PDB file of all heavy atoms in Angstrom:
ATOM      1  N   GLY A   1      65.158 -40.385  69.468  1.00  0.00           N
ATOM      2  CA  GLY A   1      66.397 -41.041  69.132  1.00  0.00           C
ATOM      3  C   GLY A   1      67.228 -40.190  68.175  1.00  0.00           C
ATOM      4  O   GLY A   1      66.818 -38.928  67.846  1.00  0.00           O
ATOM      5  N   TYR A   2      68.266 -40.710  67.696  1.00  0.00           N
ATOM      6  CA  TYR A   2      69.225 -40.003  66.955  1.00  0.00           C
ATOM      7  C   TYR A   2      68.624 -39.595  65.537  1.00  0.00           C
ATOM      8  O   TYR A   2      68.687 -38.443  65.101  1.00  0.00           O
ATOM      9  CB  TYR A   2      70.511 -40.830  66.541  1.00  0.00           C
ATOM     10  CG  TYR A   2      71.403 -41.030  67.751  1.00  0.00           C
ATOM     11  CD1 TYR A   2      71.947 -42.269  68.078  1.00  0.00           C
ATOM     12  CD2 TYR A   2      71.675 -39.915  68.654  1.00  0.00           C
ATOM     13  CE1 TYR A   2      72.725 -42.463  69.209  1.00  0.00           C
ATOM     14  CE2 TYR A   2      72.476 -40.120  69.717  1.00  0.00           C
ATOM     15  CZ  TYR A   2      73.003 -41.325  70.031  1.00  0.00           C
ATOM     16  OH  TYR A   2      73.705 -41.483  71.066  1.00  0.00           O
ATOM     17  N   THR A   3      68.032 -40.574  64.795  1.00  0.00           N
ATOM     18  CA  THR A   3      67.348 -40.283  63.518  1.00  0.00           C
ATOM     19  C   THR A   3      66.206 -39.302  63.715  1.00  0.00           C
ATOM     20  O   THR A   3      66.096 -38.357  62.797  1.00  0.00           O
ATOM     21  CB  THR A   3      66.899 -41.543  62.791  1.00  0.00           C
ATOM     22  OG1 THR A   3      65.926 -42.297  63.624  1.00  0.00           O
ATOM     23  CG2 THR A   3      68.013 -42.413  62.426  1.00  0.00           C
ATOM     24  N   GLY A   4      65.392 -39.478  64.702  1.00  0.00           N
ATOM     25  CA  GLY A   4      64.406 -38.563  65.054  1.00  0.00           C
ATOM     26  C   GLY A   4      64.820 -37.078  65.249  1.00  0.00           C
ATOM     27  O   GLY A   4      64.244 -36.161  64.798  1.00  0.00           O
ATOM     28  N   GLY A   5      65.884 -37.029  65.961  1.00  0.00           N
ATOM     29  CA  GLY A   5      66.432 -35.627  66.322  1.00  0.00           C
ATOM     30  C   GLY A   5      67.022 -35.044  65.035  1.00  0.00           C
ATOM     31  O   GLY A   5      66.809 -33.801  64.797  1.00  0.00           O
ATOM     32  N   GLU A   6      67.718 -35.770  64.167  1.00  0.00           N
ATOM     33  CA  GLU A   6      68.102 -35.177  62.900  1.00  0.00           C
ATOM     34  C   GLU A   6      66.930 -34.842  61.950  1.00  0.00           C
ATOM     35  O   GLU A   6      66.955 -33.748  61.375  1.00  0.00           O
ATOM     36  CB  GLU A   6      68.962 -36.226  62.099  1.00  0.00           C
ATOM     37  CG  GLU A   6      70.439 -36.331  62.675  1.00  0.00           C
ATOM     38  CD  GLU A   6      71.213 -35.083  62.502  1.00  0.00           C
ATOM     39  OE1 GLU A   6      71.794 -34.846  61.457  1.00  0.00           O
ATOM     40  OE2 GLU A   6      71.207 -34.212  63.468  1.00  0.00           O
ATOM     41  N   LEU A   7      65.935 -35.656  61.959  1.00  0.00           N
ATOM     42  CA  LEU A   7      64.716 -35.356  61.163  1.00  0.00           C
ATOM     43  C   LEU A   7      64.044 -33.977  61.742  1.00  0.00           C
ATOM     44  O   LEU A   7      63.668 -33.097  60.962  1.00  0.00           O
ATOM     45  CB  LEU A   7      63.801 -36.440  61.169  1.00  0.00           C
ATOM     46  CG  LEU A   7      62.725 -36.479  60.158  1.00  0.00           C
ATOM     47  CD1 LEU A   7      63.159 -36.283  58.709  1.00  0.00           C
ATOM     48  CD2 LEU A   7      61.823 -37.879  60.241  1.00  0.00           C
ATOM     49  N   ILE A   8      63.934 -33.784  63.061  1.00  0.00           N
ATOM     50  CA  ILE A   8      63.388 -32.639  63.655  1.00  0.00           C
ATOM     51  C   ILE A   8      64.157 -31.457  63.062  1.00  0.00           C
ATOM     52  O   ILE A   8      63.667 -30.427  62.546  1.00  0.00           O
ATOM     53  CB  ILE A   8      63.331 -32.674  65.151  1.00  0.00           C
ATOM     54  CG1 ILE A   8      62.419 -33.719  65.510  1.00  0.00           C
ATOM     55  CG2 ILE A   8      62.910 -31.315  65.638  1.00  0.00           C
ATOM     56  CD1 ILE A   8      62.475 -34.162  67.050  1.00  0.00           C
ATOM     57  N   ARG A   9      65.508 -31.581  63.188  1.00  0.00           N
ATOM     58  CA  ARG A   9      66.348 -30.453  62.846  1.00  0.00           C
ATOM     59  C   ARG A   9      66.164 -29.934  61.304  1.00  0.00           C
ATOM     60  O   ARG A   9      66.046 -28.818  60.999  1.00  0.00           O
ATOM     61  CB  ARG A   9      67.802 -30.811  63.120  1.00  0.00           C
ATOM     62  CG  ARG A   9      68.849 -29.814  62.572  1.00  0.00           C
ATOM     63  CD  ARG A   9      70.269 -30.187  62.976  1.00  0.00           C
ATOM     64  NE  ARG A   9      70.831 -31.321  62.095  1.00  0.00           N
ATOM     65  CZ  ARG A   9      71.471 -31.126  60.982  1.00  0.00           C
ATOM     66  NH1 ARG A   9      71.668 -29.944  60.536  1.00  0.00           N
ATOM     67  NH2 ARG A   9      71.845 -32.195  60.316  1.00  0.00           N
ATOM     68  N   LEU A  10      66.101 -31.048  60.505  1.00  0.00           N
ATOM     69  CA  LEU A  10      65.948 -30.793  58.986  1.00  0.00           C
ATOM     70  C   LEU A  10      64.609 -30.294  58.784  1.00  0.00           C
ATOM     71  O   LEU A  10      64.497 -29.202  57.923  1.00  0.00           O
ATOM     72  CB  LEU A  10      66.203 -32.018  58.242  1.00  0.00           C
ATOM     73  CG  LEU A  10      67.592 -32.565  58.401  1.00  0.00           C
ATOM     74  CD1 LEU A  10      67.642 -33.992  57.683  1.00  0.00           C
ATOM     75  CD2 LEU A  10      68.634 -31.741  57.705  1.00  0.00           C
ATOM     76  N   LEU A  11      63.536 -30.731  59.312  1.00  0.00           N
ATOM     77  CA  LEU A  11      62.119 -30.307  59.001  1.00  0.00           C
ATOM     78  C   LEU A  11      61.883 -28.744  59.496  1.00  0.00           C
ATOM     79  O   LEU A  11      61.245 -28.049  58.912  1.00  0.00           O
ATOM     80  CB  LEU A  11      61.136 -31.186  59.642  1.00  0.00           C
ATOM     81  CG  LEU A  11      61.035 -32.531  59.078  1.00  0.00           C
ATOM     82  CD1 LEU A  11      60.100 -33.531  59.878  1.00  0.00           C
ATOM     83  CD2 LEU A  11      60.475 -32.509  57.607  1.00  0.00           C
ATOM     84  N   LEU A  12      62.483 -28.477  60.630  1.00  0.00           N
ATOM     85  CA  LEU A  12      62.482 -27.132  61.216  1.00  0.00           C
ATOM     86  C   LEU A  12      62.971 -26.196  60.279  1.00  0.00           C
ATOM     87  O   LEU A  12      62.670 -24.946  60.239  1.00  0.00           O
ATOM     88  CB  LEU A  12      63.136 -27.038  62.529  1.00  0.00           C
ATOM     89  CG  LEU A  12      62.396 -27.751  63.761  1.00  0.00           C
ATOM     90  CD1 LEU A  12      63.290 -27.690  65.063  1.00  0.00           C
ATOM     91  CD2 LEU A  12      61.044 -27.122  63.941  1.00  0.00           C
ATOM     92  N   ASN A  13      63.963 -26.517  59.435  1.00  0.00           N
ATOM     93  CA  ASN A  13      64.655 -25.674  58.546  1.00  0.00           C
ATOM     94  C   ASN A  13      64.098 -25.817  57.050  1.00  0.00           C
ATOM     95  O   ASN A  13      64.797 -25.216  56.112  1.00  0.00           O
ATOM     96  CB  ASN A  13      66.180 -25.864  58.541  1.00  0.00           C
ATOM     97  CG  ASN A  13      66.783 -25.391  59.791  1.00  0.00           C
ATOM     98  OD1 ASN A  13      66.969 -24.113  59.906  1.00  0.00           O
ATOM     99  ND2 ASN A  13      67.083 -26.142  60.766  1.00  0.00           N
ATOM    100  N   HIS A  14      62.992 -26.539  56.859  1.00  0.00           N
ATOM    101  CA  HIS A  14      62.462 -26.665  55.621  1.00  0.00           C
ATOM    102  C   HIS A  14      61.346 -25.583  55.350  1.00  0.00           C
ATOM    103  O   HIS A  14      60.416 -25.495  56.176  1.00  0.00           O
ATOM    104  CB  HIS A  14      61.827 -28.049  55.469  1.00  0.00           C
ATOM    105  CG  HIS A  14      61.538 -28.529  54.147  1.00  0.00           C
ATOM    106  ND1 HIS A  14      60.578 -27.970  53.249  1.00  0.00           N
ATOM    107  CD2 HIS A  14      62.063 -29.490  53.261  1.00  0.00           C
ATOM    108  CE1 HIS A  14      60.563 -28.567  52.030  1.00  0.00           C
ATOM    109  NE2 HIS A  14      61.419 -29.496  52.035  1.00  0.00           N
ATOM    110  N   ARG A  15      61.463 -24.842  54.350  1.00  0.00           N
ATOM    111  CA  ARG A  15      60.509 -23.679  54.153  1.00  0.00           C
ATOM    112  C   ARG A  15      59.051 -24.105  53.803  1.00  0.00           C
ATOM    113  O   ARG A  15      58.182 -23.250  53.945  1.00  0.00           O
ATOM    114  CB  ARG A  15      61.091 -22.757  53.137  1.00  0.00           C
ATOM    115  CG  ARG A  15      61.214 -23.385  51.727  1.00  0.00           C
ATOM    116  CD  ARG A  15      61.791 -22.366  50.812  1.00  0.00           C
ATOM    117  NE  ARG A  15      61.964 -22.907  49.494  1.00  0.00           N
ATOM    118  CZ  ARG A  15      62.484 -22.305  48.379  1.00  0.00           C
ATOM    119  NH1 ARG A  15      62.875 -21.054  48.592  1.00  0.00           N
ATOM    120  NH2 ARG A  15      62.618 -22.860  47.174  1.00  0.00           N
ATOM    121  N   SER A  16      58.869 -25.367  53.438  1.00  0.00           N
ATOM    122  CA  SER A  16      57.502 -25.754  53.034  1.00  0.00           C
ATOM    123  C   SER A  16      56.813 -26.747  53.911  1.00  0.00           C
ATOM    124  O   SER A  16      55.853 -27.397  53.518  1.00  0.00           O
ATOM    125  CB  SER A  16      57.617 -26.341  51.634  1.00  0.00           C
ATOM    126  OG  SER A  16      58.062 -25.425  50.613  1.00  0.00           O
ATOM    127  N   VAL A  17      57.439 -26.939  55.117  1.00  0.00           N
ATOM    128  CA  VAL A  17      56.877 -27.867  56.001  1.00  0.00           C
ATOM    129  C   VAL A  17      56.668 -27.283  57.387  1.00  0.00           C
ATOM    130  O   VAL A  17      57.531 -26.511  57.932  1.00  0.00           O
ATOM    131  CB  VAL A  17      57.843 -29.084  56.197  1.00  0.00           C
ATOM    132  CG1 VAL A  17      57.358 -30.087  57.348  1.00  0.00           C
ATOM    133  CG2 VAL A  17      58.114 -29.856  54.953  1.00  0.00           C
ATOM    134  N   ALA A  18      55.439 -27.617  57.907  1.00  0.00           N
ATOM    135  CA  ALA A  18      55.246 -27.211  59.403  1.00  0.00           C
ATOM    136  C   ALA A  18      55.117 -28.537  60.247  1.00  0.00           C
ATOM    137  O   ALA A  18      54.315 -29.423  59.931  1.00  0.00           O
ATOM    138  CB  ALA A  18      53.774 -26.614  59.520  1.00  0.00           C
ATOM    139  N   LEU A  19      56.049 -28.500  61.166  1.00  0.00           N
ATOM    140  CA  LEU A  19      56.119 -29.809  61.985  1.00  0.00           C
ATOM    141  C   LEU A  19      54.964 -29.788  63.016  1.00  0.00           C
ATOM    142  O   LEU A  19      54.848 -28.970  63.970  1.00  0.00           O
ATOM    143  CB  LEU A  19      57.426 -29.796  62.747  1.00  0.00           C
ATOM    144  CG  LEU A  19      57.694 -31.105  63.562  1.00  0.00           C
ATOM    145  CD1 LEU A  19      57.686 -32.375  62.813  1.00  0.00           C
ATOM    146  CD2 LEU A  19      59.078 -31.003  64.211  1.00  0.00           C
ATOM    147  N   ASP A  20      54.023 -30.678  62.807  1.00  0.00           N
ATOM    148  CA  ASP A  20      52.806 -30.630  63.597  1.00  0.00           C
ATOM    149  C   ASP A  20      52.963 -31.411  64.885  1.00  0.00           C
ATOM    150  O   ASP A  20      52.448 -30.929  65.996  1.00  0.00           O
ATOM    151  CB  ASP A  20      51.634 -31.448  62.812  1.00  0.00           C
ATOM    152  CG  ASP A  20      50.333 -31.356  63.383  1.00  0.00           C
ATOM    153  OD1 ASP A  20      50.080 -32.276  64.239  1.00  0.00           O
ATOM    154  OD2 ASP A  20      49.621 -30.431  63.191  1.00  0.00           O
ATOM    155  N   PHE A  21      53.601 -32.551  64.971  1.00  0.00           N
ATOM    156  CA  PHE A  21      53.765 -33.227  66.246  1.00  0.00           C
ATOM    157  C   PHE A  21      54.953 -34.232  66.155  1.00  0.00           C
ATOM    158  O   PHE A  21      55.357 -34.672  65.056  1.00  0.00           O
ATOM    159  CB  PHE A  21      52.533 -34.135  66.614  1.00  0.00           C
ATOM    160  CG  PHE A  21      52.301 -35.301  65.697  1.00  0.00           C
ATOM    161  CD1 PHE A  21      52.910 -36.526  65.898  1.00  0.00           C
ATOM    162  CD2 PHE A  21      51.428 -35.207  64.582  1.00  0.00           C
ATOM    163  CE1 PHE A  21      52.722 -37.634  65.148  1.00  0.00           C
ATOM    164  CE2 PHE A  21      51.339 -36.308  63.759  1.00  0.00           C
ATOM    165  CZ  PHE A  21      51.938 -37.518  64.043  1.00  0.00           C
ATOM    166  N   VAL A  22      55.518 -34.468  67.341  1.00  0.00           N
ATOM    167  CA  VAL A  22      56.606 -35.531  67.427  1.00  0.00           C
ATOM    168  C   VAL A  22      56.168 -36.437  68.555  1.00  0.00           C
ATOM    169  O   VAL A  22      56.164 -36.055  69.690  1.00  0.00           O
ATOM    170  CB  VAL A  22      57.929 -34.804  67.841  1.00  0.00           C
ATOM    171  CG1 VAL A  22      58.978 -35.912  67.869  1.00  0.00           C
ATOM    172  CG2 VAL A  22      58.388 -33.806  66.667  1.00  0.00           C
ATOM    173  N   PHE A  23      55.831 -37.619  68.104  1.00  0.00           N
ATOM    174  CA  PHE A  23      55.170 -38.564  69.066  1.00  0.00           C
ATOM    175  C   PHE A  23      56.282 -39.362  69.759  1.00  0.00           C
ATOM    176  O   PHE A  23      57.194 -39.963  69.191  1.00  0.00           O
ATOM    177  CB  PHE A  23      54.255 -39.570  68.387  1.00  0.00           C
ATOM    178  CG  PHE A  23      53.746 -40.686  69.202  1.00  0.00           C
ATOM    179  CD1 PHE A  23      52.641 -40.446  69.933  1.00  0.00           C
ATOM    180  CD2 PHE A  23      54.324 -41.947  69.207  1.00  0.00           C
ATOM    181  CE1 PHE A  23      52.044 -41.419  70.707  1.00  0.00           C
ATOM    182  CE2 PHE A  23      53.768 -42.979  69.817  1.00  0.00           C
ATOM    183  CZ  PHE A  23      52.581 -42.745  70.667  1.00  0.00           C
ATOM    184  N   SER A  24      56.231 -39.446  71.085  1.00  0.00           N
ATOM    185  CA  SER A  24      57.180 -40.268  71.910  1.00  0.00           C
ATOM    186  C   SER A  24      56.399 -40.839  73.135  1.00  0.00           C
ATOM    187  O   SER A  24      55.682 -40.100  73.883  1.00  0.00           O
ATOM    188  CB  SER A  24      58.258 -39.454  72.393  1.00  0.00           C
ATOM    189  OG  SER A  24      59.181 -40.110  73.194  1.00  0.00           O
TER     190      SER A  24
END
């Protein structure tokens, strides 16, 4: 969804976070 997409974008650009999974 929209909030999920924005969160993915923000987390991908966060220097201290590794995005492990996006469940759908």
